Amino acid sequence: MTLSTHVLDVARGVPAAGVGVTLVQVVGAMRVDLASGTTDGDGRIAGPFGGDLQPGEYELVFKAGAYLKATGTPSFYDEIPVRFIIAESRHYHVPLLLAPWGYSTYRGS
């Protein structure tokens, strides 16, 4: 199973380049960092992010505060964790739509 992600800055209407993202595997109370990367000029991290993943619970942690500060945008958020479960053998795409005072995510294709 593979994973990809991208971030769009919906307030500015552009891909969010330079956002730090960490992939974490969650096993009970234990958290294991699997991969870290930074979004490219198209707001994407080249996949497969984290390699071949096993079924289980994962979290993408987006470093939104640092990105928004770098763009001169005040923000309410620092890090945005998005927790999800991988159950099927397929590709997963987890995008983040980012704004200074809110965000949205969904399971893409």
N, C-alpha and C. Protein backbone atom coordinates (compact mmCIF):
# COMPACT_ATOMS: atom_id res chain seq x y z
N MET A 1 0.85 -1.16 0.00
CA MET A 1 0.00 0.00 0.00
C MET A 1 0.90 1.23 0.00
N THR A 2 0.52 2.21 -0.78
CA THR A 2 1.34 3.41 -0.89
C THR A 2 0.52 4.64 -0.53
N LEU A 3 1.25 5.72 -0.26
CA LEU A 3 0.64 6.96 0.21
C LEU A 3 1.24 8.15 -0.52
N SER A 4 0.40 9.11 -0.84
CA SER A 4 0.88 10.40 -1.36
C SER A 4 0.07 11.51 -0.69
N THR A 5 0.62 12.73 -0.75
CA THR A 5 -0.07 13.87 -0.16
C THR A 5 0.28 15.13 -0.93
N HIS A 6 -0.57 16.11 -0.82
CA HIS A 6 -0.24 17.44 -1.32
C HIS A 6 -1.00 18.46 -0.48
N VAL A 7 -0.52 19.71 -0.55
CA VAL A 7 -1.12 20.80 0.23
C VAL A 7 -1.43 21.95 -0.71
N LEU A 8 -2.65 22.45 -0.62
CA LEU A 8 -3.07 23.62 -1.40
C LEU A 8 -3.37 24.76 -0.44
N ASP A 9 -2.82 25.92 -0.74
CA ASP A 9 -3.08 27.14 0.04
C ASP A 9 -4.32 27.78 -0.57
N VAL A 10 -5.49 27.50 0.00
CA VAL A 10 -6.74 27.98 -0.59
C VAL A 10 -6.95 29.47 -0.37
N ALA A 11 -6.29 30.06 0.60
CA ALA A 11 -6.42 31.50 0.83
C ALA A 11 -5.70 32.29 -0.26
N ARG A 12 -4.58 31.75 -0.71
CA ARG A 12 -3.78 32.44 -1.74
C ARG A 12 -4.05 31.88 -3.13
N GLY A 13 -4.71 30.72 -3.20
CA GLY A 13 -5.03 30.11 -4.49
C GLY A 13 -3.84 29.50 -5.19
N VAL A 14 -2.89 28.93 -4.41
CA VAL A 14 -1.68 28.35 -4.99
C VAL A 14 -1.33 27.04 -4.27
N PRO A 15 -0.52 26.20 -4.92
CA PRO A 15 0.02 25.05 -4.19
C PRO A 15 0.90 25.57 -3.05
N ALA A 16 0.90 24.88 -1.94
CA ALA A 16 1.67 25.30 -0.78
C ALA A 16 3.05 24.64 -0.82
N ALA A 17 4.02 25.35 -1.38
CA ALA A 17 5.39 24.84 -1.47
C ALA A 17 6.13 25.12 -0.16
N GLY A 18 6.91 24.14 0.29
CA GLY A 18 7.73 24.33 1.48
C GLY A 18 7.07 23.94 2.78
N VAL A 19 5.98 23.16 2.73
CA VAL A 19 5.33 22.68 3.96
C VAL A 19 6.01 21.39 4.41
N GLY A 20 6.49 21.38 5.65
CA GLY A 20 7.06 20.16 6.21
C GLY A 20 5.96 19.19 6.58
N VAL A 21 6.18 17.91 6.28
CA VAL A 21 5.19 16.87 6.57
C VAL A 21 5.92 15.66 7.15
N THR A 22 5.38 15.11 8.21
CA THR A 22 5.93 13.89 8.82
C THR A 22 4.86 12.81 8.80
N LEU A 23 5.26 11.61 8.37
CA LEU A 23 4.38 10.45 8.42
C LEU A 23 4.71 9.66 9.67
N VAL A 24 3.68 9.40 10.48
CA VAL A 24 3.84 8.71 11.75
C VAL A 24 2.96 7.46 11.75
N GLN A 25 3.52 6.33 12.20
CA GLN A 25 2.70 5.14 12.42
C GLN A 25 2.29 5.14 13.88
N VAL A 26 1.00 4.90 14.13
CA VAL A 26 0.46 4.90 15.49
C VAL A 26 0.13 3.47 15.87
N VAL A 27 0.77 2.99 16.94
CA VAL A 27 0.52 1.63 17.44
C VAL A 27 0.22 1.76 18.92
N GLY A 28 -1.06 1.75 19.27
CA GLY A 28 -1.46 1.96 20.66
C GLY A 28 -1.02 3.35 21.11
N ALA A 29 -0.27 3.41 22.18
CA ALA A 29 0.24 4.69 22.69
C ALA A 29 1.57 5.08 22.06
N MET A 30 2.14 4.18 21.24
CA MET A 30 3.44 4.43 20.63
C MET A 30 3.28 5.10 19.27
N ARG A 31 4.18 6.05 19.01
CA ARG A 31 4.20 6.75 17.72
C ARG A 31 5.60 6.60 17.13
N VAL A 32 5.67 6.16 15.86
CA VAL A 32 6.94 5.94 15.21
C VAL A 32 7.00 6.79 13.95
N ASP A 33 7.97 7.73 13.88
CA ASP A 33 8.16 8.53 12.68
C ASP A 33 8.70 7.63 11.57
N LEU A 34 8.01 7.60 10.43
CA LEU A 34 8.42 6.77 9.31
C LEU A 34 9.12 7.55 8.22
N ALA A 35 8.68 8.78 7.98
CA ALA A 35 9.25 9.58 6.89
C ALA A 35 8.95 11.05 7.13
N SER A 36 9.83 11.89 6.62
CA SER A 36 9.62 13.34 6.65
C SER A 36 9.96 13.90 5.29
N GLY A 37 9.27 14.94 4.92
CA GLY A 37 9.54 15.58 3.63
C GLY A 37 9.00 16.99 3.62
N THR A 38 9.25 17.66 2.52
CA THR A 38 8.78 19.03 2.32
C THR A 38 8.11 19.11 0.97
N THR A 39 6.96 19.77 0.92
CA THR A 39 6.24 19.87 -0.35
C THR A 39 7.04 20.65 -1.38
N ASP A 40 6.93 20.21 -2.63
CA ASP A 40 7.65 20.86 -3.72
C ASP A 40 6.85 22.04 -4.28
N GLY A 41 7.28 22.58 -5.39
CA GLY A 41 6.63 23.75 -5.99
C GLY A 41 5.19 23.53 -6.38
N ASP A 42 4.79 22.27 -6.54
CA ASP A 42 3.41 21.94 -6.87
C ASP A 42 2.63 21.55 -5.61
N GLY A 43 3.24 21.74 -4.42
CA GLY A 43 2.58 21.42 -3.16
C GLY A 43 2.55 19.93 -2.85
N ARG A 44 3.36 19.14 -3.55
CA ARG A 44 3.32 17.69 -3.40
C ARG A 44 4.62 17.15 -2.80
N ILE A 45 4.50 15.98 -2.20
CA ILE A 45 5.67 15.20 -1.79
C ILE A 45 5.68 13.97 -2.69
N ALA A 46 6.79 13.78 -3.37
CA ALA A 46 6.90 12.66 -4.30
C ALA A 46 6.62 11.35 -3.58
N GLY A 47 5.84 10.52 -4.19
CA GLY A 47 5.46 9.25 -3.58
C GLY A 47 6.24 8.11 -4.16
N PRO A 48 6.17 6.96 -3.57
CA PRO A 48 5.33 6.73 -2.40
C PRO A 48 5.98 7.26 -1.13
N PHE A 49 5.25 8.09 -0.41
CA PHE A 49 5.74 8.71 0.82
C PHE A 49 5.71 7.67 1.93
N GLY A 50 6.86 7.34 2.48
CA GLY A 50 6.94 6.33 3.53
C GLY A 50 7.14 4.92 3.03
N GLY A 51 7.26 4.74 1.72
CA GLY A 51 7.48 3.41 1.15
C GLY A 51 6.23 2.57 1.13
N ASP A 52 6.41 1.26 1.19
CA ASP A 52 5.29 0.32 1.17
C ASP A 52 4.76 0.18 2.59
N LEU A 53 3.53 0.59 2.81
CA LEU A 53 2.94 0.60 4.16
C LEU A 53 2.10 -0.64 4.42
N GLN A 54 2.05 -1.02 5.67
CA GLN A 54 1.25 -2.16 6.12
C GLN A 54 -0.09 -1.65 6.64
N PRO A 55 -1.10 -2.51 6.73
CA PRO A 55 -2.37 -2.07 7.32
C PRO A 55 -2.13 -1.53 8.74
N GLY A 56 -2.87 -0.49 9.10
CA GLY A 56 -2.73 0.07 10.43
C GLY A 56 -3.14 1.52 10.49
N GLU A 57 -2.83 2.14 11.60
CA GLU A 57 -3.21 3.53 11.87
C GLU A 57 -1.99 4.42 11.65
N TYR A 58 -2.21 5.52 10.94
CA TYR A 58 -1.14 6.44 10.59
C TYR A 58 -1.59 7.88 10.82
N GLU A 59 -0.61 8.76 10.80
CA GLU A 59 -0.90 10.19 10.95
C GLU A 59 0.06 10.96 10.06
N LEU A 60 -0.48 11.90 9.33
CA LEU A 60 0.34 12.89 8.62
C LEU A 60 0.30 14.15 9.47
N VAL A 61 1.47 14.70 9.79
CA VAL A 61 1.55 15.93 10.58
C VAL A 61 2.09 17.02 9.67
N PHE A 62 1.23 17.99 9.37
CA PHE A 62 1.58 19.10 8.48
C PHE A 62 2.07 20.28 9.31
N LYS A 63 3.24 20.81 9.00
CA LYS A 63 3.82 21.95 9.72
C LYS A 63 3.27 23.25 9.10
N ALA A 64 2.00 23.48 9.31
CA ALA A 64 1.30 24.60 8.69
C ALA A 64 1.76 25.96 9.22
N GLY A 65 2.02 26.05 10.51
CA GLY A 65 2.39 27.33 11.11
C GLY A 65 3.66 27.91 10.52
N ALA A 66 4.67 27.08 10.34
CA ALA A 66 5.94 27.55 9.76
C ALA A 66 5.73 28.02 8.33
N TYR A 67 4.92 27.28 7.56
CA TYR A 67 4.65 27.68 6.18
C TYR A 67 3.91 29.02 6.14
N LEU A 68 2.85 29.15 6.92
CA LEU A 68 2.07 30.38 6.90
C LEU A 68 2.90 31.57 7.39
N LYS A 69 3.73 31.37 8.39
CA LYS A 69 4.60 32.44 8.86
C LYS A 69 5.56 32.88 7.76
N ALA A 70 6.10 31.90 7.03
CA ALA A 70 7.04 32.21 5.94
C ALA A 70 6.37 33.00 4.82
N THR A 71 5.05 32.84 4.66
CA THR A 71 4.33 33.59 3.63
C THR A 71 3.80 34.93 4.16
N GLY A 72 4.11 35.23 5.44
CA GLY A 72 3.65 36.48 6.03
C GLY A 72 2.19 36.47 6.41
N THR A 73 1.64 35.27 6.60
CA THR A 73 0.23 35.12 6.90
C THR A 73 0.04 34.74 8.37
N PRO A 74 -0.70 35.53 9.14
CA PRO A 74 -0.99 35.12 10.52
C PRO A 74 -1.86 33.87 10.50
N SER A 75 -1.73 33.03 11.52
CA SER A 75 -2.46 31.77 11.52
C SER A 75 -2.82 31.34 12.93
N PHE A 76 -3.86 30.58 13.02
CA PHE A 76 -4.30 29.98 14.27
C PHE A 76 -3.62 28.64 14.50
N TYR A 77 -3.15 27.98 13.45
CA TYR A 77 -2.62 26.62 13.52
C TYR A 77 -1.11 26.59 13.48
N ASP A 78 -0.54 25.63 14.22
CA ASP A 78 0.88 25.37 14.14
C ASP A 78 1.09 24.06 13.37
N GLU A 79 0.79 22.95 14.00
CA GLU A 79 0.85 21.65 13.33
C GLU A 79 -0.56 21.10 13.18
N ILE A 80 -0.81 20.47 12.04
CA ILE A 80 -2.11 19.88 11.77
C ILE A 80 -1.93 18.37 11.61
N PRO A 81 -2.37 17.59 12.61
CA PRO A 81 -2.30 16.13 12.48
C PRO A 81 -3.55 15.59 11.80
N VAL A 82 -3.36 14.70 10.85
CA VAL A 82 -4.48 14.05 10.17
C VAL A 82 -4.29 12.55 10.36
N ARG A 83 -5.13 11.94 11.18
CA ARG A 83 -5.01 10.52 11.49
C ARG A 83 -5.97 9.73 10.60
N PHE A 84 -5.48 8.60 10.09
CA PHE A 84 -6.29 7.78 9.18
C PHE A 84 -5.89 6.32 9.33
N ILE A 85 -6.71 5.44 8.77
CA ILE A 85 -6.48 4.00 8.86
C ILE A 85 -6.31 3.44 7.46
N ILE A 86 -5.25 2.68 7.27
CA ILE A 86 -5.03 1.96 6.02
C ILE A 86 -5.49 0.52 6.25
N ALA A 87 -6.46 0.09 5.45
CA ALA A 87 -7.02 -1.24 5.63
C ALA A 87 -6.96 -2.08 4.36
N GLU A 88 -7.09 -1.43 3.22
CA GLU A 88 -7.14 -2.14 1.94
C GLU A 88 -5.81 -2.01 1.21
N SER A 89 -5.53 -2.98 0.38
CA SER A 89 -4.32 -2.94 -0.43
C SER A 89 -4.58 -2.06 -1.65
N ARG A 90 -4.21 -0.79 -1.54
CA ARG A 90 -4.45 0.19 -2.61
C ARG A 90 -3.56 1.40 -2.37
N HIS A 91 -3.65 2.37 -3.23
CA HIS A 91 -2.94 3.63 -3.05
C HIS A 91 -3.86 4.59 -2.29
N TYR A 92 -3.29 5.31 -1.33
CA TYR A 92 -4.03 6.31 -0.56
C TYR A 92 -3.44 7.68 -0.85
N HIS A 93 -4.31 8.66 -1.03
CA HIS A 93 -3.89 10.04 -1.24
C HIS A 93 -4.62 10.90 -0.21
N VAL A 94 -3.86 11.63 0.61
CA VAL A 94 -4.44 12.43 1.68
C VAL A 94 -4.00 13.89 1.49
N PRO A 95 -4.82 14.70 0.83
CA PRO A 95 -4.48 16.10 0.63
C PRO A 95 -4.95 16.99 1.78
N LEU A 96 -4.33 18.15 1.87
CA LEU A 96 -4.73 19.15 2.87
C LEU A 96 -5.03 20.45 2.14
N LEU A 97 -6.21 21.00 2.38
CA LEU A 97 -6.58 22.32 1.87
C LEU A 97 -6.42 23.28 3.03
N LEU A 98 -5.48 24.20 2.92
CA LEU A 98 -5.03 25.01 4.05
C LEU A 98 -5.42 26.48 3.89
N ALA A 99 -5.90 27.06 4.98
CA ALA A 99 -6.16 28.49 5.08
C ALA A 99 -5.70 28.94 6.47
N PRO A 100 -5.49 30.22 6.70
CA PRO A 100 -4.98 30.67 7.99
C PRO A 100 -5.88 30.32 9.18
N TRP A 101 -7.17 30.24 8.97
CA TRP A 101 -8.09 30.03 10.09
C TRP A 101 -8.90 28.74 9.96
N GLY A 102 -8.51 27.87 9.05
CA GLY A 102 -9.22 26.62 8.89
C GLY A 102 -8.50 25.72 7.91
N TYR A 103 -8.93 24.46 7.86
CA TYR A 103 -8.37 23.51 6.91
C TYR A 103 -9.40 22.40 6.64
N SER A 104 -9.15 21.67 5.58
CA SER A 104 -10.00 20.55 5.22
C SER A 104 -9.12 19.46 4.62
N THR A 105 -9.56 18.22 4.75
CA THR A 105 -8.84 17.10 4.17
C THR A 105 -9.85 16.05 3.74
N TYR A 106 -9.42 15.14 2.90
CA TYR A 106 -10.30 14.08 2.41
C TYR A 106 -9.43 12.95 1.90
N ARG A 107 -10.03 11.79 1.67
CA ARG A 107 -9.30 10.70 1.04
C ARG A 107 -9.44 10.84 -0.46
N GLY A 108 -8.35 11.18 -1.08
CA GLY A 108 -8.34 11.36 -2.53
C GLY A 108 -8.07 10.07 -3.25
N SER A 109 -7.76 10.19 -4.54
CA SER A 109 -7.49 8.99 -5.34
C SER A 109 -6.11 9.06 -5.95
